[in-house]
C-alpha atoms as a PDB file:
ATOM      1  CA  UNK A   1      17.291  -7.270   7.009  1.00  0.00           C
ATOM      2  CA  UNK A   2      14.880  -8.809   4.515  1.00  0.00           C
ATOM      3  CA  UNK A   3      11.608  -8.870   6.444  1.00  0.00           C
ATOM      4  CA  UNK A   4       8.343  -7.495   5.000  1.00  0.00           C
ATOM      5  CA  UNK A   5       8.628  -4.559   7.388  1.00  0.00           C
ATOM      6  CA  UNK A   6      12.208  -3.658   6.439  1.00  0.00           C
ATOM      7  CA  UNK A   7      11.147  -0.563   4.456  1.00  0.00           C
ATOM      8  CA  UNK A   8       8.579   0.822   6.870  1.00  0.00           C
ATOM      9  CA  UNK A   9       9.210   4.191   8.415  1.00  0.00           C
ATOM     10  CA  UNK A  10       6.915   5.666  11.005  1.00  0.00           C
ATOM     11  CA  UNK A  11       4.615   7.020   8.303  1.00  0.00           C
ATOM     12  CA  UNK A  12       5.279   5.539   4.865  1.00  0.00           C
ATOM     13  CA  UNK A  13       6.011   2.342   2.962  1.00  0.00           C
ATOM     14  CA  UNK A  14       7.178   1.505  -0.544  1.00  0.00           C
ATOM     15  CA  UNK A  15       4.908  -0.227  -3.046  1.00  0.00           C
ATOM     16  CA  UNK A  16       6.933  -3.420  -2.679  1.00  0.00           C
ATOM     17  CA  UNK A  17       6.581  -3.445   1.088  1.00  0.00           C
ATOM     18  CA  UNK A  18       2.868  -2.636   0.856  1.00  0.00           C
ATOM     19  CA  UNK A  19       2.409  -5.501  -1.608  1.00  0.00           C
ATOM     20  CA  UNK A  20       4.151  -7.949   0.723  1.00  0.00           C
ATOM     21  CA  UNK A  21       2.135  -6.781   3.716  1.00  0.00           C
ATOM     22  CA  UNK A  22      -1.180  -7.196   1.872  1.00  0.00           C
ATOM     23  CA  UNK A  23      -0.013 -10.307  -0.025  1.00  0.00           C
ATOM     24  CA  UNK A  24      -0.835  -8.827  -3.428  1.00  0.00           C
ATOM     25  CA  UNK A  25       1.198  -7.753  -6.447  1.00  0.00           C
ATOM     26  CA  UNK A  26       2.884  -4.356  -6.689  1.00  0.00           C
ATOM     27  CA  UNK A  27       0.563  -3.636  -9.640  1.00  0.00           C
ATOM     28  CA  UNK A  28      -2.413  -3.951  -7.281  1.00  0.00           C
ATOM     29  CA  UNK A  29      -0.834  -1.442  -4.914  1.00  0.00           C
ATOM     30  CA  UNK A  30      -0.183   0.915  -7.834  1.00  0.00           C
ATOM     31  CA  UNK A  31      -3.872   0.711  -8.767  1.00  0.00           C
ATOM     32  CA  UNK A  32      -4.901   1.526  -5.195  1.00  0.00           C
ATOM     33  CA  UNK A  33      -2.649   4.583  -5.334  1.00  0.00           C
ATOM     34  CA  UNK A  34      -3.825   5.715  -8.775  1.00  0.00           C
ATOM     35  CA  UNK A  35      -7.489   5.306  -7.821  1.00  0.00           C
ATOM     36  CA  UNK A  36      -6.997   7.258  -4.602  1.00  0.00           C
ATOM     37  CA  UNK A  37      -8.040   4.362  -2.381  1.00  0.00           C
ATOM     38  CA  UNK A  38      -4.970   4.868  -0.196  1.00  0.00           C
ATOM     39  CA  UNK A  39      -3.114   8.081   0.571  1.00  0.00           C
ATOM     40  CA  UNK A  40       0.057   8.071  -1.545  1.00  0.00           C
ATOM     41  CA  UNK A  41       2.446  10.402  -3.334  1.00  0.00           C
ATOM     42  CA  UNK A  42       5.032  10.096  -6.073  1.00  0.00           C
ATOM     43  CA  UNK A  43       8.650  10.487  -5.025  1.00  0.00           C
ATOM     44  CA  UNK A  44      10.671  10.307  -8.241  1.00  0.00           C
ATOM     45  CA  UNK A  45      10.476  11.338 -11.865  1.00  0.00           C
ATOM     46  CA  UNK A  46       9.961   7.644 -12.624  1.00  0.00           C
ATOM     47  CA  UNK A  47       6.698   7.769 -10.709  1.00  0.00           C
ATOM     48  CA  UNK A  48       7.521   5.567  -7.711  1.00  0.00           C
ATOM     49  CA  UNK A  49       4.931   5.744  -4.966  1.00  0.00           C
ATOM     50  CA  UNK A  50       5.211   6.089  -1.216  1.00  0.00           C
ATOM     51  CA  UNK A  51       2.116   4.987   0.631  1.00  0.00           C
ATOM     52  CA  UNK A  52       0.906   6.343   3.945  1.00  0.00           C
ATOM     53  CA  UNK A  53       1.116   3.364   6.286  1.00  0.00           C
ATOM     54  CA  UNK A  54      -1.927   4.329   8.371  1.00  0.00           C
ATOM     55  CA  UNK A  55      -3.977   4.794   5.201  1.00  0.00           C
ATOM     56  CA  UNK A  56      -2.933   1.350   3.965  1.00  0.00           C
ATOM     57  CA  UNK A  57      -3.939  -0.266   7.248  1.00  0.00           C
ATOM     58  CA  UNK A  58      -7.208   1.686   7.211  1.00  0.00           C
ATOM     59  CA  UNK A  59      -7.998   0.442   3.720  1.00  0.00           C
ATOM     60  CA  UNK A  60      -7.277  -3.125   4.776  1.00  0.00           C
ATOM     61  CA  UNK A  61      -9.454  -2.835   7.891  1.00  0.00           C
ATOM     62  CA  UNK A  62     -12.295  -1.250   5.905  1.00  0.00           C
ATOM     63  CA  UNK A  63     -12.271  -4.053   3.365  1.00  0.00           C
ATOM     64  CA  UNK A  64     -12.160  -6.714   6.079  1.00  0.00           C
ATOM     65  CA  UNK A  65     -15.049  -5.070   7.917  1.00  0.00           C
ATOM     66  CA  UNK A  66     -17.171  -4.910   4.779  1.00  0.00           C
ATOM     67  CA  UNK A  67     -16.621  -8.641   4.191  1.00  0.00           C
ATOM     68  CA  UNK A  68     -16.240  -8.002   0.483  1.00  0.00           C
ATOM     69  CA  UNK A  69     -13.516  -8.963  -1.904  1.00  0.00           C
ATOM     70  CA  UNK A  70     -10.291  -7.356  -0.676  1.00  0.00           C
ATOM     71  CA  UNK A  71      -9.363  -6.019  -4.099  1.00  0.00           C
ATOM     72  CA  UNK A  72     -11.306  -5.363  -7.265  1.00  0.00           C
END
C-alpha cells in the first residue's frame, strides 16, 4: 500500500506521512516538531519524529481558520 495514509496509526504518523498529508517537505514538518507547534516525540537515536495525528490536524485547522500563511 503506497497511499499517503499508509503509515497512520490511530494516534501517530511519521514525518514523511505528515509531509504528504500537508503537502509540504519533511523539513517543514521537522521544524514544526522542533518549534513545538505540533505534539511530537523522537523515537530513535537518529532523531526520527513521530507526530500526534490529532495535533497535526489541529495545527492545520488552526492555520486555515486564521487565514494566514500555512507555514512560516
